[in-house]
Every structure is written in C-alpha cells, then in structure tokens.
Protein backbone atom coordinates (compact mmCIF):
# COMPACT_ATOMS: atom_id res chain seq x y z
CA MET A 1 40.09 81.17 109.42
CA ARG A 2 41.88 84.40 108.61
CA CYS A 3 39.95 87.37 107.27
CA ARG A 4 42.04 89.71 105.15
CA SER A 5 41.15 92.92 103.36
CA ARG A 6 42.60 93.78 99.98
CA ASN A 7 44.79 96.44 101.56
CA SER A 8 46.06 94.65 104.64
CA SER A 9 47.68 91.36 105.43
CA HIS A 10 46.55 91.40 109.06
CA ALA A 11 44.20 88.62 110.14
CA LEU A 12 41.83 91.05 111.91
CA ALA A 13 41.39 93.40 108.99
CA ALA A 14 37.77 93.95 108.03
CA HIS A 15 36.20 92.26 105.08
CA PRO A 16 34.84 94.79 102.57
CA SER A 17 31.11 94.18 102.34
CA ALA A 18 28.15 95.94 100.80
CA GLU A 19 25.85 94.94 103.66
CA PRO A 20 25.79 97.46 106.56
CA GLU A 21 24.65 94.76 109.01
CA ILE A 22 27.67 92.63 108.14
CA GLN A 23 29.99 95.63 108.43
CA ALA A 24 28.59 96.34 111.90
CA VAL A 25 29.08 92.75 113.06
CA ILE A 26 32.61 92.60 111.63
CA GLY A 27 33.43 95.92 113.29
CA ARG A 28 32.21 94.69 116.68
CA VAL A 29 33.98 91.35 116.44
CA ALA A 30 37.24 92.86 115.18
CA ALA A 31 37.19 95.54 117.89
CA ARG A 32 36.57 92.89 120.55
CA ARG A 33 39.47 90.79 119.23
CA ALA A 34 41.74 93.84 119.21
CA ALA A 35 40.81 94.56 122.85
CA ILE A 36 41.67 90.99 123.80
CA LEU A 37 45.01 91.31 122.02
CA ALA A 38 45.71 94.58 123.85
CA VAL A 39 44.93 93.04 127.26
CA THR A 40 47.17 90.07 126.53
CA GLY A 41 50.05 92.31 125.48
CA ARG A 42 49.68 91.80 121.75
CA ALA A 43 48.37 95.25 120.87
CA ASP A 44 50.29 95.45 117.60
CA ALA A 45 47.20 94.38 115.66
CA ALA A 46 46.97 97.68 113.75
CA LEU A 47 43.23 97.13 113.44
CA ASP A 48 42.29 100.80 113.09
CA ARG A 49 44.83 101.43 110.32
CA ALA A 50 43.77 98.31 108.42
CA TRP A 51 40.10 99.26 108.74
CA ALA A 52 40.78 102.79 107.48
CA ARG A 53 42.83 101.50 104.54
CA ALA A 54 39.97 99.20 103.61
CA ALA A 55 37.78 102.35 103.49
CA GLN A 56 35.20 100.77 105.76
CA PRO A 57 33.32 102.70 108.46
CA GLY A 58 33.69 101.66 112.07
CA ALA A 59 30.72 99.94 113.66
CA GLU A 60 29.94 103.11 115.61
CA ALA A 61 29.88 105.15 112.39
CA LEU A 62 27.16 103.05 110.83
CA SER A 63 23.79 104.69 111.06
CA VAL A 64 20.34 103.75 109.97
CA ALA A 65 20.24 106.82 107.73
CA ALA A 66 23.32 105.58 105.89
CA SER A 67 21.52 102.39 104.89
CA ASN A 68 18.57 104.21 103.24
CA THR A 69 16.07 103.01 105.82
CA PRO A 70 12.72 104.81 105.56
CA SER A 71 12.02 107.23 108.40
CA LEU A 72 8.93 108.22 110.33
CA PRO A 73 8.30 111.58 111.98
CA ALA A 74 7.68 111.39 115.73
CA ALA A 75 4.04 112.47 115.27
CA GLU A 76 3.42 109.51 112.96
CA VAL A 77 4.97 107.12 115.48
CA ARG A 78 2.71 108.56 118.19
CA ARG A 79 -0.34 108.07 115.94
CA LEU A 80 0.65 104.45 115.20
CA LEU A 81 1.20 103.71 118.88
CA ASP A 82 -2.15 105.27 119.79
CA GLU A 83 -4.15 103.56 117.01
CA GLU A 84 -2.45 100.22 116.39
CA THR A 85 -2.21 97.24 118.70
CA ASP A 86 0.48 95.39 116.73
CA VAL A 87 3.23 98.02 116.78
CA VAL A 88 6.70 97.33 118.12
CA VAL A 89 9.20 100.16 118.60
CA VAL A 90 12.76 98.88 118.32
CA ASP A 91 15.71 101.11 119.18
CA ALA A 92 19.09 100.13 117.67
CA SER A 93 21.08 102.85 119.45
CA ARG A 94 23.65 101.96 122.11
CA PHE A 95 22.10 100.87 125.40
CA GLU A 96 23.46 103.99 127.15
CA GLU A 97 21.60 106.19 124.66
CA PHE A 98 18.47 104.06 124.96
CA SER A 99 18.60 104.40 128.77
CA THR A 100 18.92 108.17 128.50
CA MET A 101 16.26 108.86 125.90
CA SER A 102 13.85 106.47 124.24
CA ILE A 103 10.22 106.07 123.28
CA PRO A 104 8.22 104.57 126.17
CA GLY A 105 7.61 100.90 125.49
CA GLY A 106 10.45 100.69 122.97
CA ARG A 107 12.76 97.68 122.98
CA SER A 108 16.52 98.04 123.04
CA LEU A 109 18.28 95.97 120.36
CA PRO A 110 21.62 97.78 120.04
CA GLY A 111 23.81 97.43 116.98
CA GLY A 112 24.27 93.87 115.80
CA GLU A 113 21.65 92.53 118.21
CA LEU A 114 18.99 94.04 115.96
CA VAL A 115 20.09 91.82 113.09
CA TYR A 116 19.95 88.67 115.18
CA ARG A 117 16.90 89.33 117.37
CA ILE A 118 14.44 91.34 115.24
CA ARG A 119 12.59 88.21 114.11
CA ALA A 120 11.94 87.29 117.75
CA THR A 121 9.91 90.44 118.42
CA SER A 122 6.28 89.92 119.28
CA PRO A 123 4.28 90.80 117.31
CA PRO A 124 6.61 90.10 114.36
CA CYS A 125 7.88 93.26 112.67
CA GLN A 126 6.45 93.91 109.23
CA ALA A 127 8.32 97.15 108.52
CA MET A 128 11.21 99.09 109.94
CA ALA A 129 11.87 102.81 109.94
CA ARG A 130 14.22 105.32 111.47
CA LEU A 131 12.58 107.89 113.72
CA SER A 132 13.35 111.45 112.73
C-alpha cells in the first residue's frame, strides 16, 4: 500500500491527519523507512521535503502542549502521589530524557508507545495531563 500526500508523489510521504497520535506514528514509521532506504543505498526518498510540503510536523516536533492536553503543576502531582493510591505517572518523553530527569515511580512510554500501551497501565488511567 502506498501512502501519498496531496503535495508529493513519493510513497513515503506523510498522510495529512488531524490526530497528533497518528501523525507521530506516521512520522516514526516514515523516518524508519527512510533510514532503511539510506542504509540500502536508496536514500533518494526525499522524505523530509515531502513532509515539509505536506505542512506536517515531524514526530519529534509533536508535543503534548500542542494537542491541548490539560496540565498539572508539579505541586499538584506531588499531592496526588502522596494522597492517592491509584495514580500512575506516565512520561511520553524520549527514553534518554526520561533516564535523565523524571518523576520517581513514573513509567516511560515514549512517543507512539504511549498510544499503544496506555490501556495496559495498572491501575488503568482515568485522566491524562502534561506536567508543567
């Protein structure tokens, strides 16, 4: 199956989508495919140019703030962790960032993994927020 944007005829061009989660997954998959093409000597994919022409952000450019996710101040998170037993802290930042700085007890679900694995958290997540 070939995925084409309105502005590019290349098979790896990103599909314009209103859903940030889908954009992130497409960005990761397309970047991975472009890397494979580069390693195999077929680096003429022009993925970056096609993505820019489609006016879509790269997967790395997507942020929780951009998707209008509610945020919680750090003090509120501390209060919830101290008072609640059924609180799960999930960190969607890259694993390198999570390893450097994260809330103790938080779970790393970087990028697209969050979309696929959030329902498997225990206890199940009832609400999500960006920490500010």
